[in-house]
């Protein structure tokens, strides 16, 4: 009798545990930027401007940023940043780099505080997420895809449940004052997208299997108990 009673309690615990098992849902997820824009060495800006020009207009330098909300992600294995080409100027090919950003997302969103040389520098320095050769000219509606490297993936995973910002800058011999040299000019009303292969936040799995185990074992115990008090 005591052994049967212990068996029933154990079955209930096992069944409850199996019934509330959490599982990660693997998926390809596309996240639109929650904020984006540029910071400059000398130009003024506004908070509602989502243009992400990257490069130089005369003596004015521009670097872009893209902020993403990672609250639903975990276990990212790959990441691709997608942006619309829009228009470019200057040399026929540019070297574009993407970088980690130490400036917080809420500070970046206050674009009205342009110009700010410290934020401008932050968007083009630090940990490199990838360097790409980009044709300056092409179909303005084309979506360009940039596969980010392992450093970017590590930072995305480290900031799961938080905001992550990516900075964009032209590299090489492009200097302010060297004429108009830019990518993504006239970029308006087009959100950047971060496409990742990831696990979504864990969700409770159906308790059917756990319930079946619990019912089977408990039924076995009840049968033994019935035999005990019926004497058959």
Protein backbone atom coordinates (compact mmCIF):
# COMPACT_ATOMS: atom_id res chain seq x y z
CA UNK A 1 0.00 0.00 0.00
CA UNK A 2 2.76 2.43 0.95
CA UNK A 3 4.70 1.56 -2.19
CA UNK A 4 1.62 2.12 -4.35
CA UNK A 5 1.01 5.49 -2.70
CA UNK A 6 4.60 6.57 -3.37
CA UNK A 7 4.26 5.43 -6.97
CA UNK A 8 1.19 7.62 -7.48
CA UNK A 9 2.92 10.70 -6.07
CA UNK A 10 5.97 10.07 -8.25
CA UNK A 11 3.76 9.66 -11.31
CA UNK A 12 2.01 12.95 -10.59
CA UNK A 13 5.33 14.80 -10.32
CA UNK A 14 6.69 13.23 -13.52
CA UNK A 15 3.47 13.91 -15.40
CA UNK A 16 3.35 17.52 -14.26
CA UNK A 17 6.96 18.07 -15.29
CA UNK A 18 6.42 16.58 -18.73
CA UNK A 19 3.21 18.52 -19.20
CA UNK A 20 4.92 21.90 -18.68
CA UNK A 21 8.11 21.22 -20.64
CA UNK A 22 9.42 24.35 -22.38
CA UNK A 23 10.72 24.01 -25.92
CA UNK A 24 12.48 26.51 -28.22
CA UNK A 25 10.83 27.16 -31.56
CA UNK A 26 13.43 27.43 -34.35
CA UNK A 27 12.53 29.83 -37.15
CA UNK A 28 13.79 32.38 -39.65
CA UNK A 29 12.72 35.75 -38.29
CA UNK A 30 12.66 39.16 -40.02
CA UNK A 31 12.85 42.17 -37.72
CA UNK A 32 12.15 45.68 -38.99
CA UNK A 33 14.26 48.41 -37.42
CA UNK A 34 12.63 50.10 -34.45
CA UNK A 35 14.67 53.21 -35.23
CA UNK A 36 17.20 54.22 -37.87
CA UNK A 37 18.87 57.30 -39.30
CA UNK A 38 22.17 59.16 -39.38
CA UNK A 39 24.50 61.18 -37.21
CA UNK A 40 26.73 63.85 -38.68
CA UNK A 41 29.85 65.88 -38.09
CA UNK A 42 28.09 69.16 -38.84
CA UNK A 43 24.53 68.74 -40.21
CA UNK A 44 21.33 69.22 -38.23
CA UNK A 45 18.64 66.52 -38.12
CA UNK A 46 15.16 65.75 -36.77
CA UNK A 47 13.79 62.79 -34.84
CA UNK A 48 11.26 61.84 -37.53
CA UNK A 49 13.90 61.61 -40.28
CA UNK A 50 14.58 57.92 -41.07
CA UNK A 51 17.03 58.63 -43.92
CA UNK A 52 20.20 56.53 -43.53
CA UNK A 53 22.61 58.22 -45.95
CA UNK A 54 26.16 57.02 -45.36
CA UNK A 55 29.19 58.98 -46.59
CA UNK A 56 29.92 62.62 -47.35
CA UNK A 57 28.06 65.57 -48.81
CA UNK A 58 30.83 68.09 -49.37
CA UNK A 59 32.32 68.85 -45.95
CA UNK A 60 29.50 67.14 -44.04
CA UNK A 61 30.07 63.54 -42.96
CA UNK A 62 27.23 61.09 -42.32
CA UNK A 63 27.17 57.68 -40.65
CA UNK A 64 24.07 55.54 -40.33
CA UNK A 65 22.57 53.41 -37.60
CA UNK A 66 19.87 50.74 -37.36
CA UNK A 67 18.31 49.71 -34.04
CA UNK A 68 16.46 46.41 -33.55
CA UNK A 69 14.32 45.07 -30.73
CA UNK A 70 15.60 41.56 -29.86
CA UNK A 71 12.99 40.80 -27.19
CA UNK A 72 11.64 37.69 -28.97
CA UNK A 73 14.97 36.10 -29.94
CA UNK A 74 17.39 33.57 -28.48
CA UNK A 75 20.03 31.27 -29.94
CA UNK A 76 20.74 33.16 -33.17
CA UNK A 77 22.92 31.21 -35.62
CA UNK A 78 23.01 33.61 -38.60
CA UNK A 79 22.14 37.24 -39.29
CA UNK A 80 21.71 39.30 -42.46
CA UNK A 81 21.11 43.05 -42.61
CA UNK A 82 18.91 44.13 -45.52
CA UNK A 83 18.57 47.74 -46.70
CA UNK A 84 17.20 49.37 -49.84
CA UNK A 85 19.85 50.80 -52.17
CA UNK A 86 18.24 54.15 -53.08
CA UNK A 87 20.89 56.47 -54.62
CA UNK A 88 24.66 56.87 -54.47
CA UNK A 89 27.23 59.38 -55.63
CA UNK A 90 30.95 59.57 -56.34
CA UNK A 91 33.30 56.67 -57.02
CA UNK A 92 31.62 53.69 -58.73
CA UNK A 93 32.37 51.35 -55.83
CA UNK A 94 32.40 51.96 -52.08
CA UNK A 95 33.74 50.03 -49.11
CA UNK A 96 31.02 49.84 -46.47
CA UNK A 97 31.60 48.68 -42.91
CA UNK A 98 29.14 47.79 -40.17
CA UNK A 99 30.09 48.14 -36.50
CA UNK A 100 28.91 47.62 -32.96
CA UNK A 101 27.48 50.71 -31.25
CA UNK A 102 28.09 51.64 -27.62
CA UNK A 103 25.73 54.65 -27.68
CA UNK A 104 22.40 53.59 -26.17
CA UNK A 105 19.32 53.18 -28.35
CA UNK A 106 17.43 55.97 -26.61
CA UNK A 107 20.29 58.44 -27.17
CA UNK A 108 20.57 57.41 -30.84
CA UNK A 109 16.86 58.03 -31.30
CA UNK A 110 17.28 61.70 -30.35
CA UNK A 111 18.57 62.66 -33.79
CA UNK A 112 17.55 66.24 -33.14
CA UNK A 113 20.77 66.48 -31.09
CA UNK A 114 22.87 66.36 -34.27
CA UNK A 115 25.63 67.13 -34.94
CA UNK A 116 27.61 65.03 -32.46
CA UNK A 117 31.15 64.01 -33.31
CA UNK A 118 31.34 61.38 -30.53
CA UNK A 119 28.27 59.49 -31.78
CA UNK A 120 29.47 59.91 -35.38
CA UNK A 121 32.79 58.29 -34.43
CA UNK A 122 31.03 55.52 -32.49
CA UNK A 123 29.05 54.47 -35.58
CA UNK A 124 32.23 53.76 -37.56
CA UNK A 125 34.58 52.22 -35.01
CA UNK A 126 34.88 49.37 -32.54
CA UNK A 127 33.93 45.79 -33.29
CA UNK A 128 33.54 45.18 -37.03
CA UNK A 129 30.44 43.23 -38.09
CA UNK A 130 31.50 42.94 -41.73
CA UNK A 131 33.11 44.91 -44.57
CA UNK A 132 31.55 44.92 -48.04
CA UNK A 133 32.30 46.27 -51.51
CA UNK A 134 29.14 47.96 -52.77
CA UNK A 135 28.38 49.32 -56.22
CA UNK A 136 27.51 52.98 -55.88
CA UNK A 137 24.96 52.91 -58.67
CA UNK A 138 22.14 50.48 -59.43
CA UNK A 139 18.42 49.94 -59.16
CA UNK A 140 17.24 52.29 -56.41
CA UNK A 141 14.57 49.75 -55.39
CA UNK A 142 17.07 46.89 -54.97
CA UNK A 143 17.30 45.35 -51.50
CA UNK A 144 20.95 44.81 -50.58
CA UNK A 145 21.77 41.93 -48.23
CA UNK A 146 24.82 41.98 -45.96
CA UNK A 147 25.65 38.74 -44.14
CA UNK A 148 27.01 39.71 -40.73
CA UNK A 149 29.95 37.90 -39.15
CA UNK A 150 30.39 35.86 -35.98
CA UNK A 151 31.10 38.96 -33.86
CA UNK A 152 27.69 40.33 -34.81
CA UNK A 153 26.00 37.02 -34.02
CA UNK A 154 27.72 36.87 -30.63
CA UNK A 155 26.52 40.39 -29.78
CA UNK A 156 22.98 39.63 -30.96
CA UNK A 157 22.87 36.63 -28.65
CA UNK A 158 24.43 38.60 -25.79
CA UNK A 159 21.72 41.26 -26.13
CA UNK A 160 18.78 38.88 -26.43
CA UNK A 161 15.73 40.56 -24.93
CA UNK A 162 17.25 44.03 -25.38
CA UNK A 163 17.94 46.53 -28.16
CA UNK A 164 20.88 46.18 -30.55
CA UNK A 165 22.16 48.98 -32.79
CA UNK A 166 24.38 48.57 -35.85
CA UNK A 167 26.48 51.45 -37.19
CA UNK A 168 27.32 51.98 -40.87
CA UNK A 169 30.30 53.91 -42.28
CA UNK A 170 32.19 54.27 -45.55
CA UNK A 171 35.79 53.12 -45.25
CA UNK A 172 38.99 53.65 -47.21
CA UNK A 173 40.16 56.96 -48.63
CA UNK A 174 36.78 58.71 -48.40
CA UNK A 175 37.37 61.92 -46.47
CA UNK A 176 35.08 64.84 -45.72
CA UNK A 177 35.72 67.60 -48.22
CA UNK A 178 36.43 65.17 -51.09
CA UNK A 179 33.12 65.88 -52.81
CA UNK A 180 29.88 63.94 -52.66
CA UNK A 181 30.69 60.32 -51.85
CA UNK A 182 27.78 58.41 -50.39
CA UNK A 183 25.44 55.43 -50.41
CA UNK A 184 21.72 55.30 -49.52
CA UNK A 185 20.99 58.90 -50.46
CA UNK A 186 17.32 59.98 -50.46
CA UNK A 187 16.43 56.92 -48.35
CA UNK A 188 13.01 57.59 -46.86
CA UNK A 189 10.06 55.46 -45.76
CA UNK A 190 12.03 52.22 -45.96
CA UNK A 191 12.89 50.32 -42.80
CA UNK A 192 16.01 48.20 -42.63
CA UNK A 193 15.46 44.52 -41.85
CA UNK A 194 17.50 42.10 -39.76
CA UNK A 195 16.90 38.51 -40.92
CA UNK A 196 18.05 35.86 -38.45
CA UNK A 197 17.90 32.12 -38.00
CA UNK A 198 17.04 31.85 -34.33
CA UNK A 199 15.07 30.24 -31.55
CA UNK A 200 12.00 32.18 -30.53
CA UNK A 201 11.31 32.69 -26.84
CA UNK A 202 10.52 29.33 -25.23
CA UNK A 203 6.86 28.38 -25.03
CA UNK A 204 5.04 25.70 -23.00
CA UNK A 205 4.65 22.46 -24.90
CA UNK A 206 1.31 20.66 -24.84
CA UNK A 207 0.83 18.55 -21.72
CA UNK A 208 -0.72 15.67 -23.68
CA UNK A 209 2.27 13.37 -23.38
CA UNK A 210 2.78 14.13 -19.70
CA UNK A 211 -0.94 13.68 -19.05
CA UNK A 212 -0.93 10.32 -20.81
CA UNK A 213 1.98 9.11 -18.70
CA UNK A 214 0.29 10.36 -15.55
CA UNK A 215 -3.04 8.73 -16.45
CA UNK A 216 -1.40 5.41 -17.28
CA UNK A 217 0.66 5.14 -14.12
CA UNK A 218 -2.10 6.48 -11.86
CA UNK A 219 -4.56 4.03 -13.41
CA UNK A 220 -2.17 1.20 -12.64
CA UNK A 221 -1.97 2.34 -9.00
CA UNK A 222 -5.77 2.63 -8.67
CA UNK A 223 -6.17 -0.90 -9.99
CA UNK A 224 -3.71 -2.19 -7.39
CA UNK A 225 -5.48 -0.21 -4.65
CA UNK A 226 -8.89 -1.57 -5.70
CA UNK A 227 -7.57 -5.12 -5.49
CA UNK A 228 -6.16 -4.42 -2.04
CA UNK A 229 -9.39 -3.26 -0.43
CA UNK A 230 -11.66 -5.62 -2.41
CA UNK A 231 -9.59 -8.66 -1.54
CA UNK A 232 -9.58 -10.05 -5.12
